[in-house]
Amino acid sequence: LVDGGYKAFRAALVADLPQLAARFRYQVVCGPTGSGKTRLLQA
């Protein structure tokens, strides 16, 4: 059983997200609307 249930899990996830996000090296795909950013990500 998870002590504190979903409410506690949600609080733990929110606290974990910033440090988890900071662990990675990002390549940010930029471009004006219609330039194909989503298509490139899918590819």
PDB file of all heavy atoms in Angstrom:
ATOM      1  N   LEU A   1       0.834  -1.198   0.000  1.00  0.00           N
ATOM      2  CA  LEU A   1       0.000   0.000   0.000  1.00  0.00           C
ATOM      3  C   LEU A   1       0.874   1.254   0.000  1.00  0.00           C
ATOM      4  O   LEU A   1       1.922   1.287   0.639  1.00  0.00           O
ATOM      5  CB  LEU A   1      -0.899   0.025   1.240  1.00  0.00           C
ATOM      6  CG  LEU A   1      -2.181  -0.803   1.213  1.00  0.00           C
ATOM      7  CD1 LEU A   1      -2.764  -0.895   2.619  1.00  0.00           C
ATOM      8  CD2 LEU A   1      -3.197  -0.174   0.269  1.00  0.00           C
ATOM      9  N   VAL A   2       0.409   2.301  -0.715  1.00  0.00           N
ATOM     10  CA  VAL A   2       1.101   3.592  -0.707  1.00  0.00           C
ATOM     11  C   VAL A   2       0.565   4.418   0.454  1.00  0.00           C
ATOM     12  O   VAL A   2      -0.621   4.786   0.474  1.00  0.00           O
ATOM     13  CB  VAL A   2       0.891   4.349  -2.030  1.00  0.00           C
ATOM     14  CG1 VAL A   2       1.614   5.700  -1.974  1.00  0.00           C
ATOM     15  CG2 VAL A   2       1.387   3.526  -3.211  1.00  0.00           C
ATOM     16  N   ASP A   3       1.407   4.703   1.437  1.00  0.00           N
ATOM     17  CA  ASP A   3       0.987   5.550   2.551  1.00  0.00           C
ATOM     18  C   ASP A   3       0.631   6.940   2.049  1.00  0.00           C
ATOM     19  O   ASP A   3       1.400   7.551   1.309  1.00  0.00           O
ATOM     20  CB  ASP A   3       2.117   5.664   3.581  1.00  0.00           C
ATOM     21  CG  ASP A   3       2.036   4.594   4.645  1.00  0.00           C
ATOM     22  OD1 ASP A   3       0.928   4.084   4.898  1.00  0.00           O
ATOM     23  OD2 ASP A   3       3.086   4.244   5.216  1.00  0.00           O
ATOM     24  N   GLY A   4      -0.533   7.427   2.443  1.00  0.00           N
ATOM     25  CA  GLY A   4      -0.968   8.750   2.007  1.00  0.00           C
ATOM     26  C   GLY A   4      -1.627   8.758   0.651  1.00  0.00           C
ATOM     27  O   GLY A   4      -2.130   9.786   0.204  1.00  0.00           O
ATOM     28  N   GLY A   5      -1.629   7.607  -0.039  1.00  0.00           N
ATOM     29  CA  GLY A   5      -2.361   7.453  -1.287  1.00  0.00           C
ATOM     30  C   GLY A   5      -1.931   8.390  -2.401  1.00  0.00           C
ATOM     31  O   GLY A   5      -0.803   8.876  -2.455  1.00  0.00           O
ATOM     32  N   TYR A   6      -2.887   8.636  -3.315  1.00  0.00           N
ATOM     33  CA  TYR A   6      -2.588   9.473  -4.471  1.00  0.00           C
ATOM     34  C   TYR A   6      -2.148  10.869  -4.056  1.00  0.00           C
ATOM     35  O   TYR A   6      -1.252  11.453  -4.683  1.00  0.00           O
ATOM     36  CB  TYR A   6      -3.814   9.583  -5.394  1.00  0.00           C
ATOM     37  CG  TYR A   6      -3.624  10.654  -6.442  1.00  0.00           C
ATOM     38  CD1 TYR A   6      -2.860  10.397  -7.578  1.00  0.00           C
ATOM     39  CD2 TYR A   6      -4.143  11.941  -6.267  1.00  0.00           C
ATOM     40  CE1 TYR A   6      -2.627  11.386  -8.527  1.00  0.00           C
ATOM     41  CE2 TYR A   6      -3.913  12.935  -7.204  1.00  0.00           C
ATOM     42  CZ  TYR A   6      -3.156  12.655  -8.329  1.00  0.00           C
ATOM     43  OH  TYR A   6      -2.923  13.653  -9.248  1.00  0.00           O
ATOM     44  N   LYS A   7      -2.748  11.424  -3.016  1.00  0.00           N
ATOM     45  CA  LYS A   7      -2.414  12.787  -2.603  1.00  0.00           C
ATOM     46  C   LYS A   7      -0.928  12.898  -2.264  1.00  0.00           C
ATOM     47  O   LYS A   7      -0.253  13.860  -2.673  1.00  0.00           O
ATOM     48  CB  LYS A   7      -3.258  13.217  -1.401  1.00  0.00           C
ATOM     49  CG  LYS A   7      -3.046  14.673  -1.003  1.00  0.00           C
ATOM     50  CD  LYS A   7      -3.973  15.085   0.121  1.00  0.00           C
ATOM     51  CE  LYS A   7      -3.772  16.568   0.455  1.00  0.00           C
ATOM     52  NZ  LYS A   7      -4.650  17.000   1.573  1.00  0.00           N
ATOM     53  N   ALA A   8      -0.397  11.926  -1.535  1.00  0.00           N
ATOM     54  CA  ALA A   8       1.018  11.943  -1.184  1.00  0.00           C
ATOM     55  C   ALA A   8       1.884  11.701  -2.414  1.00  0.00           C
ATOM     56  O   ALA A   8       2.952  12.306  -2.568  1.00  0.00           O
ATOM     57  CB  ALA A   8       1.304  10.888  -0.114  1.00  0.00           C
ATOM     58  N   PHE A   9       1.436  10.813  -3.296  1.00  0.00           N
ATOM     59  CA  PHE A   9       2.195  10.550  -4.513  1.00  0.00           C
ATOM     60  C   PHE A   9       2.275  11.796  -5.382  1.00  0.00           C
ATOM     61  O   PHE A   9       3.340  12.123  -5.928  1.00  0.00           O
ATOM     62  CB  PHE A   9       1.543   9.409  -5.293  1.00  0.00           C
ATOM     63  CG  PHE A   9       2.328   8.996  -6.513  1.00  0.00           C
ATOM     64  CD1 PHE A   9       3.329   8.045  -6.417  1.00  0.00           C
ATOM     65  CD2 PHE A   9       2.076   9.566  -7.747  1.00  0.00           C
ATOM     66  CE1 PHE A   9       4.066   7.669  -7.532  1.00  0.00           C
ATOM     67  CE2 PHE A   9       2.806   9.204  -8.873  1.00  0.00           C
ATOM     68  CZ  PHE A   9       3.801   8.241  -8.758  1.00  0.00           C
ATOM     69  N   ARG A  10       1.161  12.503  -5.509  1.00  0.00           N
ATOM     70  CA  ARG A  10       1.137  13.735  -6.307  1.00  0.00           C
ATOM     71  C   ARG A  10       2.124  14.758  -5.738  1.00  0.00           C
ATOM     72  O   ARG A  10       2.876  15.396  -6.490  1.00  0.00           O
ATOM     73  CB  ARG A  10      -0.281  14.307  -6.315  1.00  0.00           C
ATOM     74  CG  ARG A  10      -0.424  15.745  -6.789  1.00  0.00           C
ATOM     75  CD  ARG A  10      -0.159  15.914  -8.252  1.00  0.00           C
ATOM     76  NE  ARG A  10      -0.263  17.321  -8.643  1.00  0.00           N
ATOM     77  CZ  ARG A  10       0.104  17.805  -9.817  1.00  0.00           C
ATOM     78  NH1 ARG A  10       0.607  16.998 -10.735  1.00  0.00           N
ATOM     79  NH2 ARG A  10      -0.027  19.082 -10.079  1.00  0.00           N
ATOM     80  N   ALA A  11       2.140  14.923  -4.425  1.00  0.00           N
ATOM     81  CA  ALA A  11       3.066  15.869  -3.802  1.00  0.00           C
ATOM     82  C   ALA A  11       4.510  15.457  -4.049  1.00  0.00           C
ATOM     83  O   ALA A  11       5.375  16.296  -4.343  1.00  0.00           O
ATOM     84  CB  ALA A  11       2.791  15.974  -2.309  1.00  0.00           C
ATOM     85  N   ALA A  12       4.790  14.158  -3.976  1.00  0.00           N
ATOM     86  CA  ALA A  12       6.149  13.668  -4.206  1.00  0.00           C
ATOM     87  C   ALA A  12       6.555  13.866  -5.660  1.00  0.00           C
ATOM     88  O   ALA A  12       7.707  14.216  -5.959  1.00  0.00           O
ATOM     89  CB  ALA A  12       6.240  12.193  -3.816  1.00  0.00           C
ATOM     90  N   LEU A  13       5.624  13.650  -6.590  1.00  0.00           N
ATOM     91  CA  LEU A  13       5.928  13.834  -8.011  1.00  0.00           C
ATOM     92  C   LEU A  13       6.221  15.299  -8.322  1.00  0.00           C
ATOM     93  O   LEU A  13       7.183  15.605  -9.043  1.00  0.00           O
ATOM     94  CB  LEU A  13       4.750  13.330  -8.854  1.00  0.00           C
ATOM     95  CG  LEU A  13       4.912  13.351 -10.374  1.00  0.00           C
ATOM     96  CD1 LEU A  13       4.166  12.160 -10.998  1.00  0.00           C
ATOM     97  CD2 LEU A  13       4.373  14.647 -10.977  1.00  0.00           C
ATOM     98  N   VAL A  14       5.404  16.203  -7.793  1.00  0.00           N
ATOM     99  CA  VAL A  14       5.627  17.634  -8.020  1.00  0.00           C
ATOM    100  C   VAL A  14       6.983  18.062  -7.472  1.00  0.00           C
ATOM    101  O   VAL A  14       7.703  18.858  -8.091  1.00  0.00           O
ATOM    102  CB  VAL A  14       4.490  18.455  -7.382  1.00  0.00           C
ATOM    103  CG1 VAL A  14       4.829  19.944  -7.364  1.00  0.00           C
ATOM    104  CG2 VAL A  14       3.176  18.218  -8.123  1.00  0.00           C
ATOM    105  N   ALA A  15       7.371  17.515  -6.319  1.00  0.00           N
ATOM    106  CA  ALA A  15       8.672  17.845  -5.733  1.00  0.00           C
ATOM    107  C   ALA A  15       9.817  17.248  -6.546  1.00  0.00           C
ATOM    108  O   ALA A  15      10.910  17.820  -6.617  1.00  0.00           O
ATOM    109  CB  ALA A  15       8.736  17.337  -4.294  1.00  0.00           C
ATOM    110  N   ASP A  16       9.574  16.110  -7.193  1.00  0.00           N
ATOM    111  CA  ASP A  16      10.634  15.420  -7.937  1.00  0.00           C
ATOM    112  C   ASP A  16      10.843  15.987  -9.334  1.00  0.00           C
ATOM    113  O   ASP A  16      11.953  15.899  -9.880  1.00  0.00           O
ATOM    114  CB  ASP A  16      10.280  13.932  -8.038  1.00  0.00           C
ATOM    115  CG  ASP A  16      11.404  13.092  -8.621  1.00  0.00           C
ATOM    116  OD1 ASP A  16      12.524  13.155  -8.080  1.00  0.00           O
ATOM    117  OD2 ASP A  16      11.168  12.373  -9.611  1.00  0.00           O
ATOM    118  N   LEU A  17       9.799  16.574  -9.926  1.00  0.00           N
ATOM    119  CA  LEU A  17       9.869  17.009 -11.320  1.00  0.00           C
ATOM    120  C   LEU A  17      11.019  17.988 -11.606  1.00  0.00           C
ATOM    121  O   LEU A  17      11.745  17.803 -12.603  1.00  0.00           O
ATOM    122  CB  LEU A  17       8.539  17.629 -11.749  1.00  0.00           C
ATOM    123  CG  LEU A  17       7.645  16.771 -12.639  1.00  0.00           C
ATOM    124  CD1 LEU A  17       6.324  17.463 -12.908  1.00  0.00           C
ATOM    125  CD2 LEU A  17       8.333  16.455 -13.966  1.00  0.00           C
ATOM    126  N   PRO A  18      11.233  19.033 -10.807  1.00  0.00           N
ATOM    127  CA  PRO A  18      12.308  19.985 -11.141  1.00  0.00           C
ATOM    128  C   PRO A  18      13.680  19.327 -11.189  1.00  0.00           C
ATOM    129  O   PRO A  18      14.457  19.575 -12.124  1.00  0.00           O
ATOM    130  CB  PRO A  18      12.219  21.031 -10.023  1.00  0.00           C
ATOM    131  CG  PRO A  18      10.823  20.938  -9.516  1.00  0.00           C
ATOM    132  CD  PRO A  18      10.455  19.496  -9.641  1.00  0.00           C
ATOM    133  N   GLN A  19      13.990  18.484 -10.213  1.00  0.00           N
ATOM    134  CA  GLN A  19      15.313  17.855 -10.211  1.00  0.00           C
ATOM    135  C   GLN A  19      15.423  16.806 -11.297  1.00  0.00           C
ATOM    136  O   GLN A  19      16.504  16.600 -11.886  1.00  0.00           O
ATOM    137  CB  GLN A  19      15.615  17.248  -8.840  1.00  0.00           C
ATOM    138  CG  GLN A  19      14.651  16.181  -8.368  1.00  0.00           C
ATOM    139  CD  GLN A  19      14.876  15.795  -6.910  1.00  0.00           C
ATOM    140  OE1 GLN A  19      15.427  16.580  -6.142  1.00  0.00           O
ATOM    141  NE2 GLN A  19      14.456  14.600  -6.535  1.00  0.00           N
ATOM    142  N   LEU A  20      14.318  16.138 -11.630  1.00  0.00           N
ATOM    143  CA  LEU A  20      14.333  15.171 -12.720  1.00  0.00           C
ATOM    144  C   LEU A  20      14.564  15.892 -14.049  1.00  0.00           C
ATOM    145  O   LEU A  20      15.393  15.461 -14.865  1.00  0.00           O
ATOM    146  CB  LEU A  20      13.008  14.401 -12.755  1.00  0.00           C
ATOM    147  CG  LEU A  20      12.843  13.341 -13.849  1.00  0.00           C
ATOM    148  CD1 LEU A  20      13.916  12.262 -13.729  1.00  0.00           C
ATOM    149  CD2 LEU A  20      11.447  12.720 -13.785  1.00  0.00           C
ATOM    150  N   ALA A  21      13.854  16.996 -14.269  1.00  0.00           N
ATOM    151  CA  ALA A  21      14.017  17.753 -15.511  1.00  0.00           C
ATOM    152  C   ALA A  21      15.428  18.280 -15.668  1.00  0.00           C
ATOM    153  O   ALA A  21      15.952  18.371 -16.783  1.00  0.00           O
ATOM    154  CB  ALA A  21      13.010  18.900 -15.553  1.00  0.00           C
ATOM    155  N   ALA A  22      16.069  18.630 -14.568  1.00  0.00           N
ATOM    156  CA  ALA A  22      17.412  19.215 -14.608  1.00  0.00           C
ATOM    157  C   ALA A  22      18.497  18.193 -14.925  1.00  0.00           C
ATOM    158  O   ALA A  22      19.642  18.571 -15.192  1.00  0.00           O
ATOM    159  CB  ALA A  22      17.711  19.899 -13.278  1.00  0.00           C
ATOM    160  N   ARG A  23      18.166  16.915 -14.932  1.00  0.00           N
ATOM    161  CA  ARG A  23      19.177  15.875 -15.172  1.00  0.00           C
ATOM    162  C   ARG A  23      19.568  15.754 -16.637  1.00  0.00           C
ATOM    163  O   ARG A  23      20.595  15.169 -16.965  1.00  0.00           O
ATOM    164  CB  ARG A  23      18.650  14.513 -14.708  1.00  0.00           C
ATOM    165  CG  ARG A  23      18.430  14.380 -13.209  1.00  0.00           C
ATOM    166  CD  ARG A  23      17.841  13.017 -12.885  1.00  0.00           C
ATOM    167  NE  ARG A  23      18.747  11.920 -13.270  1.00  0.00           N
ATOM    168  CZ  ARG A  23      18.389  10.648 -13.371  1.00  0.00           C
ATOM    169  NH1 ARG A  23      17.124  10.306 -13.137  1.00  0.00           N
ATOM    170  NH2 ARG A  23      19.256   9.721 -13.706  1.00  0.00           N
ATOM    171  N   PHE A  24      18.768  16.315 -17.550  1.00  0.00           N
ATOM    172  CA  PHE A  24      18.943  16.017 -18.965  1.00  0.00           C
ATOM    173  C   PHE A  24      19.519  17.186 -19.755  1.00  0.00           C
ATOM    174  O   PHE A  24      19.391  18.350 -19.374  1.00  0.00           O
ATOM    175  CB  PHE A  24      17.593  15.592 -19.573  1.00  0.00           C
ATOM    176  CG  PHE A  24      17.028  14.364 -18.927  1.00  0.00           C
ATOM    177  CD1 PHE A  24      16.090  14.458 -17.914  1.00  0.00           C
ATOM    178  CD2 PHE A  24      17.456  13.102 -19.318  1.00  0.00           C
ATOM    179  CE1 PHE A  24      15.577  13.328 -17.302  1.00  0.00           C
ATOM    180  CE2 PHE A  24      16.958  11.968 -18.709  1.00  0.00           C
ATOM    181  CZ  PHE A  24      16.023  12.071 -17.705  1.00  0.00           C
ATOM    182  N   ARG A  25      20.143  16.829 -20.898  1.00  0.00           N
ATOM    183  CA  ARG A  25      20.627  17.810 -21.865  1.00  0.00           C
ATOM    184  C   ARG A  25      19.582  17.907 -22.978  1.00  0.00           C
ATOM    185  O   ARG A  25      19.277  16.907 -23.643  1.00  0.00           O
ATOM    186  CB  ARG A  25      21.968  17.369 -22.450  1.00  0.00           C
ATOM    187  CG  ARG A  25      23.094  17.297 -21.447  1.00  0.00           C
ATOM    188  CD  ARG A  25      24.376  16.801 -22.106  1.00  0.00           C
ATOM    189  NE  ARG A  25      24.272  15.413 -22.553  1.00  0.00           N
ATOM    190  CZ  ARG A  25      24.275  15.024 -23.824  1.00  0.00           C
ATOM    191  NH1 ARG A  25      24.369  15.924 -24.793  1.00  0.00           N
ATOM    192  NH2 ARG A  25      24.195  13.734 -24.132  1.00  0.00           N
ATOM    193  N   TYR A  26      19.041  19.097 -23.169  1.00  0.00           N
ATOM    194  CA  TYR A  26      17.975  19.286 -24.141  1.00  0.00           C
ATOM    195  C   TYR A  26      18.506  19.912 -25.428  1.00  0.00           C
ATOM    196  O   TYR A  26      19.414  20.742 -25.412  1.00  0.00           O
ATOM    197  CB  TYR A  26      16.867  20.169 -23.565  1.00  0.00           C
ATOM    198  CG  TYR A  26      16.210  19.567 -22.343  1.00  0.00           C
ATOM    199  CD1 TYR A  26      16.661  19.902 -21.061  1.00  0.00           C
ATOM    200  CD2 TYR A  26      15.181  18.651 -22.456  1.00  0.00           C
ATOM    201  CE1 TYR A  26      16.084  19.334 -19.939  1.00  0.00           C
ATOM    202  CE2 TYR A  26      14.597  18.075 -21.335  1.00  0.00           C
ATOM    203  CZ  TYR A  26      15.053  18.422 -20.074  1.00  0.00           C
ATOM    204  OH  TYR A  26      14.490  17.861 -18.963  1.00  0.00           O
ATOM    205  N   GLN A  27      17.924  19.495 -26.535  1.00  0.00           N
ATOM    206  CA  GLN A  27      18.090  20.161 -27.825  1.00  0.00           C
ATOM    207  C   GLN A  27      16.721  20.722 -28.180  1.00  0.00           C
ATOM    208  O   GLN A  27      15.767  19.959 -28.415  1.00  0.00           O
ATOM    209  CB  GLN A  27      18.567  19.167 -28.884  1.00  0.00           C
ATOM    210  CG  GLN A  27      19.995  18.673 -28.682  1.00  0.00           C
ATOM    211  CD  GLN A  27      21.011  19.722 -29.093  1.00  0.00           C
ATOM    212  OE1 GLN A  27      20.902  20.357 -30.146  1.00  0.00           O
ATOM    213  NE2 GLN A  27      22.018  19.922 -28.254  1.00  0.00           N
ATOM    214  N   VAL A  28      16.608  22.034 -28.178  1.00  0.00           N
ATOM    215  CA  VAL A  28      15.310  22.683 -28.348  1.00  0.00           C
ATOM    216  C   VAL A  28      15.064  22.952 -29.832  1.00  0.00           C
ATOM    217  O   VAL A  28      15.811  23.696 -30.471  1.00  0.00           O
ATOM    218  CB  VAL A  28      15.239  23.996 -27.549  1.00  0.00           C
ATOM    219  CG1 VAL A  28      13.864  24.631 -27.709  1.00  0.00           C
ATOM    220  CG2 VAL A  28      15.537  23.735 -26.073  1.00  0.00           C
ATOM    221  N   VAL A  29      14.021  22.333 -30.371  1.00  0.00           N
ATOM    222  CA  VAL A  29      13.677  22.492 -31.779  1.00  0.00           C
ATOM    223  C   VAL A  29      12.816  23.735 -31.931  1.00  0.00           C
ATOM    224  O   VAL A  29      11.680  23.793 -31.430  1.00  0.00           O
ATOM    225  CB  VAL A  29      12.948  21.246 -32.307  1.00  0.00           C
ATOM    226  CG1 VAL A  29      12.540  21.436 -33.768  1.00  0.00           C
ATOM    227  CG2 VAL A  29      13.836  20.010 -32.157  1.00  0.00           C
ATOM    228  N   CYS A  30      13.361  24.739 -32.619  1.00  0.00           N
ATOM    229  CA  CYS A  30      12.686  26.027 -32.808  1.00  0.00           C
ATOM    230  C   CYS A  30      12.262  26.184 -34.263  1.00  0.00           C
ATOM    231  O   CYS A  30      12.685  25.430 -35.135  1.00  0.00           O
ATOM    232  CB  CYS A  30      13.616  27.177 -32.427  1.00  0.00           C
ATOM    233  SG  CYS A  30      14.399  27.016 -30.813  1.00  0.00           S
ATOM    234  N   GLY A  31      11.470  27.185 -34.495  1.00  0.00           N
ATOM    235  CA  GLY A  31      11.026  27.481 -35.852  1.00  0.00           C
ATOM    236  C   GLY A  31       9.656  28.117 -35.811  1.00  0.00           C
ATOM    237  O   GLY A  31       8.840  27.790 -34.940  1.00  0.00           O
ATOM    238  N   PRO A  32       9.375  29.030 -36.751  1.00  0.00           N
ATOM    239  CA  PRO A  32       8.054  29.672 -36.760  1.00  0.00           C
ATOM    240  C   PRO A  32       6.952  28.668 -37.073  1.00  0.00           C
ATOM    241  O   PRO A  32       7.218  27.532 -37.495  1.00  0.00           O
ATOM    242  CB  PRO A  32       8.193  30.714 -37.878  1.00  0.00           C
ATOM    243  CG  PRO A  32       9.288  30.197 -38.752  1.00  0.00           C
ATOM    244  CD  PRO A  32      10.232  29.489 -37.848  1.00  0.00           C
ATOM    245  N   THR A  33       5.723  29.070 -36.861  1.00  0.00           N
ATOM    246  CA  THR A  33       4.569  28.199 -37.099  1.00  0.00           C
ATOM    247  C   THR A  33       4.612  27.621 -38.518  1.00  0.00           C
ATOM    248  O   THR A  33       4.860  28.341 -39.485  1.00  0.00           O
ATOM    249  CB  THR A  33       3.269  29.002 -36.907  1.00  0.00           C
ATOM    250  OG1 THR A  33       3.228  29.497 -35.573  1.00  0.00           O
ATOM    251  CG2 THR A  33       2.053  28.124 -37.159  1.00  0.00           C
ATOM    252  N   GLY A  34       4.422  26.312 -38.614  1.00  0.00           N
ATOM    253  CA  GLY A  34       4.390  25.658 -39.916  1.00  0.00           C
ATOM    254  C   GLY A  34       5.743  25.224 -40.439  1.00  0.00           C
ATOM    255  O   GLY A  34       5.835  24.732 -41.566  1.00  0.00           O
ATOM    256  N   SER A  35       6.785  25.368 -39.646  1.00  0.00           N
ATOM    257  CA  SER A  35       8.125  25.020 -40.137  1.00  0.00           C
ATOM    258  C   SER A  35       8.440  23.530 -39.992  1.00  0.00           C
ATOM    259  O   SER A  35       9.463  23.069 -40.493  1.00  0.00           O
ATOM    260  CB  SER A  35       9.184  25.851 -39.407  1.00  0.00           C
ATOM    261  OG  SER A  35       9.132  25.632 -38.014  1.00  0.00           O
ATOM    262  N   GLY A  36       7.601  22.782 -39.300  1.00  0.00           N
ATOM    263  CA  GLY A  36       7.785  21.338 -39.225  1.00  0.00           C
ATOM    264  C   GLY A  36       8.416  20.833 -37.939  1.00  0.00           C
ATOM    265  O   GLY A  36       8.980  19.740 -37.911  1.00  0.00           O
ATOM    266  N   LYS A  37       8.300  21.597 -36.871  1.00  0.00           N
ATOM    267  CA  LYS A  37       8.922  21.194 -35.598  1.00  0.00           C
ATOM    268  C   LYS A  37       8.380  19.840 -35.135  1.00  0.00           C
ATOM    269  O   LYS A  37       9.149  18.942 -34.758  1.00  0.00           O
ATOM    270  CB  LYS A  37       8.671  22.277 -34.535  1.00  0.00           C
ATOM    271  CG  LYS A  37       9.274  23.620 -34.870  1.00  0.00           C
ATOM    272  CD  LYS A  37       9.077  24.625 -33.750  1.00  0.00           C
ATOM    273  CE  LYS A  37       7.639  25.051 -33.533  1.00  0.00           C
ATOM    274  NZ  LYS A  37       7.073  25.778 -34.704  1.00  0.00           N
ATOM    275  N   THR A  38       7.063  19.693 -35.140  1.00  0.00           N
ATOM    276  CA  THR A  38       6.463  18.439 -34.678  1.00  0.00           C
ATOM    277  C   THR A  38       6.850  17.281 -35.588  1.00  0.00           C
ATOM    278  O   THR A  38       7.149  16.174 -35.122  1.00  0.00           O
ATOM    279  CB  THR A  38       4.933  18.572 -34.601  1.00  0.00           C
ATOM    280  OG1 THR A  38       4.598  19.566 -33.619  1.00  0.00           O
ATOM    281  CG2 THR A  38       4.285  17.246 -34.210  1.00  0.00           C
ATOM    282  N   ARG A  39       6.882  17.535 -36.890  1.00  0.00           N
ATOM    283  CA  ARG A  39       7.266  16.468 -37.823  1.00  0.00           C
ATOM    284  C   ARG A  39       8.710  16.032 -37.580  1.00  0.00           C
ATOM    285  O   ARG A  39       9.032  14.840 -37.675  1.00  0.00           O
ATOM    286  CB  ARG A  39       7.069  16.932 -39.257  1.00  0.00           C
ATOM    287  CG  ARG A  39       5.607  17.071 -39.646  1.00  0.00           C
ATOM    288  CD  ARG A  39       5.425  17.269 -41.131  1.00  0.00           C
ATOM    289  NE  ARG A  39       4.001  17.367 -41.462  1.00  0.00           N
ATOM    290  CZ  ARG A  39       3.516  17.390 -42.704  1.00  0.00           C
ATOM    291  NH1 ARG A  39       4.350  17.300 -43.731  1.00  0.00           N
ATOM    292  NH2 ARG A  39       2.217  17.479 -42.916  1.00  0.00           N
ATOM    293  N   LEU A  40       9.580  16.975 -37.295  1.00  0.00           N
ATOM    294  CA  LEU A  40      10.963  16.603 -37.011  1.00  0.00           C
ATOM    295  C   LEU A  40      11.050  15.798 -35.720  1.00  0.00           C
ATOM    296  O   LEU A  40      11.772  14.792 -35.655  1.00  0.00           O
ATOM    297  CB  LEU A  40      11.845  17.845 -36.916  1.00  0.00           C
ATOM    298  CG  LEU A  40      13.318  17.574 -36.581  1.00  0.00           C
ATOM    299  CD1 LEU A  40      13.958  16.634 -37.599  1.00  0.00           C
ATOM    300  CD2 LEU A  40      14.096  18.876 -36.474  1.00  0.00           C
ATOM    301  N   LEU A  41      10.315  16.211 -34.686  1.00  0.00           N
ATOM    302  CA  LEU A  41      10.319  15.436 -33.437  1.00  0.00           C
ATOM    303  C   LEU A  41       9.819  14.015 -33.668  1.00  0.00           C
ATOM    304  O   LEU A  41      10.383  13.049 -33.142  1.00  0.00           O
ATOM    305  CB  LEU A  41       9.446  16.133 -32.389  1.00  0.00           C
ATOM    306  CG  LEU A  41       9.974  17.435 -31.781  1.00  0.00           C
ATOM    307  CD1 LEU A  41       8.973  17.984 -30.770  1.00  0.00           C
ATOM    308  CD2 LEU A  41      11.331  17.226 -31.112  1.00  0.00           C
ATOM    309  N   GLN A  42       8.775  13.882 -34.454  1.00  0.00           N
ATOM    310  CA  GLN A  42       8.247  12.546 -34.750  1.00  0.00           C
ATOM    311  C   GLN A  42       9.265  11.710 -35.518  1.00  0.00           C
ATOM    312  O   GLN A  42       9.421  10.512 -35.252  1.00  0.00           O
ATOM    313  CB  GLN A  42       6.945  12.675 -35.542  1.00  0.00           C
ATOM    314  CG  GLN A  42       5.796  13.260 -34.733  1.00  0.00           C
ATOM    315  CD  GLN A  42       4.586  13.618 -35.576  1.00  0.00           C
ATOM    316  OE1 GLN A  42       4.680  13.738 -36.805  1.00  0.00           O
ATOM    317  NE2 GLN A  42       3.443  13.799 -34.938  1.00  0.00           N
ATOM    318  N   ALA A  43       9.979  12.344 -36.451  1.00  0.00           N
ATOM    319  CA  ALA A  43      11.004  11.637 -37.215  1.00  0.00           C
ATOM    320  C   ALA A  43      12.160  11.227 -36.311  1.00  0.00           C
ATOM    321  O   ALA A  43      12.699  10.121 -36.434  1.00  0.00           O
ATOM    322  CB  ALA A  43      11.498  12.518 -38.360  1.00  0.00           C
TER     323      ALA A  43
END
